[in-house]
Amino acid sequence: MSTALVPTPGSALAHAVQRFAHWRRTRQHRSPIPETLWGTAVATARTQGVNKTARTLRLNYDALKKRLEAATRPPAPAPFVELLPAAPAPSYHCQVELEQPTGARLRIQLTSPSPPDLAALTQSFWHGAP
């Protein structure tokens, strides 16, 4: 003997019954239950219990229970990622002295985290700045 569960009008379970009834009337044959309806069923099962919700909404008890457990499971912790400090950048120390036949002199002292473009500097000195 089977007893039908009649939800209280205006309750979350009654709302879920209406939504599932509408979906069952309008769905295409053998279409799966949409995720939004599963979400409604899970929310209802949280307050009404899995057994009562599954029987009232005519859902598979195990499927509803698994979805409820998955929804209430705390998120997995983020994987551990070790961040190593960047190696200190090598510092370039450079001193260049140039002298033209005209007597013009150029002394360059550089301390830089990246190597200087000495070719461009010397070419500029020998041929004049562009």
Protein backbone atom coordinates (compact mmCIF):
# COMPACT_ATOMS: atom_id res chain seq x y z
CA MET A 1 0.00 0.00 0.00
CA SER A 2 1.44 3.35 -1.10
CA THR A 3 0.69 6.62 0.62
CA ALA A 4 0.96 9.88 -1.25
CA LEU A 5 2.69 12.72 0.51
CA VAL A 6 0.79 15.98 0.21
CA PRO A 7 3.00 19.01 0.94
CA THR A 8 1.69 22.01 2.81
CA PRO A 9 0.64 24.72 0.33
CA GLY A 10 3.16 27.55 0.16
CA SER A 11 6.02 25.42 1.47
CA ALA A 12 9.32 24.87 -0.32
CA LEU A 13 8.28 21.30 -1.00
CA ALA A 14 4.99 22.42 -2.57
CA HIS A 15 6.90 24.86 -4.77
CA ALA A 16 9.28 22.07 -5.84
CA VAL A 17 6.32 19.77 -6.61
CA GLN A 18 4.85 22.46 -8.88
CA ARG A 19 8.14 23.03 -10.69
CA PHE A 20 8.70 19.30 -11.26
CA ALA A 21 5.08 18.80 -12.38
CA HIS A 22 5.45 21.62 -14.93
CA TRP A 23 8.73 20.19 -16.20
CA ARG A 24 7.25 16.71 -16.53
CA ARG A 25 4.30 18.08 -18.52
CA THR A 26 6.45 20.15 -20.90
CA ARG A 27 9.67 18.14 -21.24
CA GLN A 28 10.73 16.28 -24.30
CA HIS A 29 10.54 12.52 -23.95
CA ARG A 30 13.43 11.10 -21.88
CA SER A 31 15.16 14.44 -21.38
CA PRO A 32 17.31 14.60 -18.23
CA ILE A 33 16.28 16.66 -15.24
CA PRO A 34 17.73 20.19 -15.64
CA GLU A 35 20.35 21.29 -13.13
CA THR A 36 18.08 24.10 -11.90
CA LEU A 37 15.48 21.52 -10.86
CA TRP A 38 18.13 19.38 -9.22
CA GLY A 39 19.18 22.49 -7.30
CA THR A 40 15.59 22.98 -6.15
CA ALA A 41 15.41 19.33 -5.08
CA VAL A 42 18.70 19.56 -3.18
CA ALA A 43 17.61 22.76 -1.40
CA THR A 44 14.32 21.11 -0.46
CA ALA A 45 16.07 17.93 0.74
CA ARG A 46 18.26 20.06 2.97
CA THR A 47 15.20 21.17 4.96
CA GLN A 48 12.71 18.36 4.40
CA GLY A 49 15.02 15.36 4.31
CA VAL A 50 16.19 13.22 1.41
CA ASN A 51 13.61 10.45 1.79
CA LYS A 52 10.58 12.75 1.97
CA THR A 53 11.82 14.92 -0.90
CA ALA A 54 12.71 11.97 -3.13
CA ARG A 55 9.34 10.29 -2.57
CA THR A 56 7.30 13.47 -3.02
CA LEU A 57 9.17 14.63 -6.14
CA ARG A 58 9.43 11.06 -7.49
CA LEU A 59 13.21 11.17 -7.71
CA ASN A 60 15.82 8.48 -7.30
CA TYR A 61 16.77 8.50 -3.60
CA ASP A 62 20.45 7.66 -4.21
CA ALA A 63 20.85 10.29 -6.94
CA LEU A 64 19.35 12.97 -4.70
CA LYS A 65 21.44 11.89 -1.73
CA LYS A 66 24.67 12.04 -3.79
CA ARG A 67 23.82 15.51 -5.06
CA LEU A 68 23.02 16.71 -1.54
CA GLU A 69 26.30 15.31 -0.22
CA ALA A 70 28.23 16.93 -3.06
CA ALA A 71 26.53 20.27 -2.39
CA THR A 72 27.28 20.19 1.35
CA ARG A 73 30.83 18.89 1.02
CA PRO A 74 33.38 21.57 1.83
CA PRO A 75 35.48 22.60 -1.16
CA ALA A 76 38.72 20.75 -1.62
CA PRO A 77 41.70 22.70 -0.35
CA ALA A 78 43.79 24.39 -2.98
CA PRO A 79 46.88 22.42 -3.93
CA PHE A 80 50.09 23.51 -2.25
CA VAL A 81 52.26 25.59 -4.51
CA GLU A 82 55.71 26.54 -3.31
CA LEU A 83 56.87 29.91 -4.56
CA LEU A 84 60.60 30.25 -4.49
CA PRO A 85 62.06 33.71 -4.20
CA ALA A 86 63.53 34.95 -7.41
CA ALA A 87 67.27 34.70 -7.56
CA PRO A 88 68.79 38.09 -7.06
CA ALA A 89 69.35 39.65 -10.45
CA PRO A 90 73.00 39.84 -11.37
CA SER A 91 74.26 43.35 -11.25
CA TYR A 92 76.48 44.50 -14.09
CA HIS A 93 79.29 46.88 -13.23
CA CYS A 94 80.95 48.38 -16.20
CA GLN A 95 83.40 51.21 -16.86
CA VAL A 96 84.18 52.27 -20.44
CA GLU A 97 86.53 55.04 -21.49
CA LEU A 98 86.63 56.24 -25.09
CA GLU A 99 88.79 58.90 -26.68
CA GLN A 100 88.49 60.31 -30.18
CA PRO A 101 91.48 61.52 -32.19
CA THR A 102 90.13 65.05 -31.75
CA GLY A 103 90.68 64.71 -28.01
CA ALA A 104 87.07 64.22 -27.06
CA ARG A 105 86.72 61.77 -24.21
CA LEU A 106 83.85 59.73 -22.88
CA ARG A 107 83.86 57.84 -19.61
CA ILE A 108 80.86 55.69 -18.77
CA GLN A 109 80.35 53.97 -15.44
CA LEU A 110 77.33 51.72 -15.26
CA THR A 111 75.75 49.63 -12.57
CA SER A 112 72.66 48.04 -13.93
CA PRO A 113 70.51 44.92 -13.46
CA SER A 114 70.65 44.35 -17.23
CA PRO A 115 73.70 44.47 -19.48
CA PRO A 116 74.16 47.84 -21.18
CA ASP A 117 74.13 48.20 -24.96
CA LEU A 118 77.75 49.22 -25.27
CA ALA A 119 77.76 48.94 -29.05
CA ALA A 120 75.05 51.61 -29.33
CA LEU A 121 76.83 53.85 -26.81
CA THR A 122 80.19 53.68 -28.54
CA GLN A 123 78.69 54.04 -32.02
CA SER A 124 76.83 57.11 -30.83
CA PHE A 125 80.06 58.55 -29.46
CA TRP A 126 82.11 57.84 -32.59
CA HIS A 127 79.51 58.91 -35.14
CA GLY A 128 77.54 61.49 -33.22
CA ALA A 129 74.07 61.11 -31.78
CA PRO A 130 71.33 60.58 -34.38
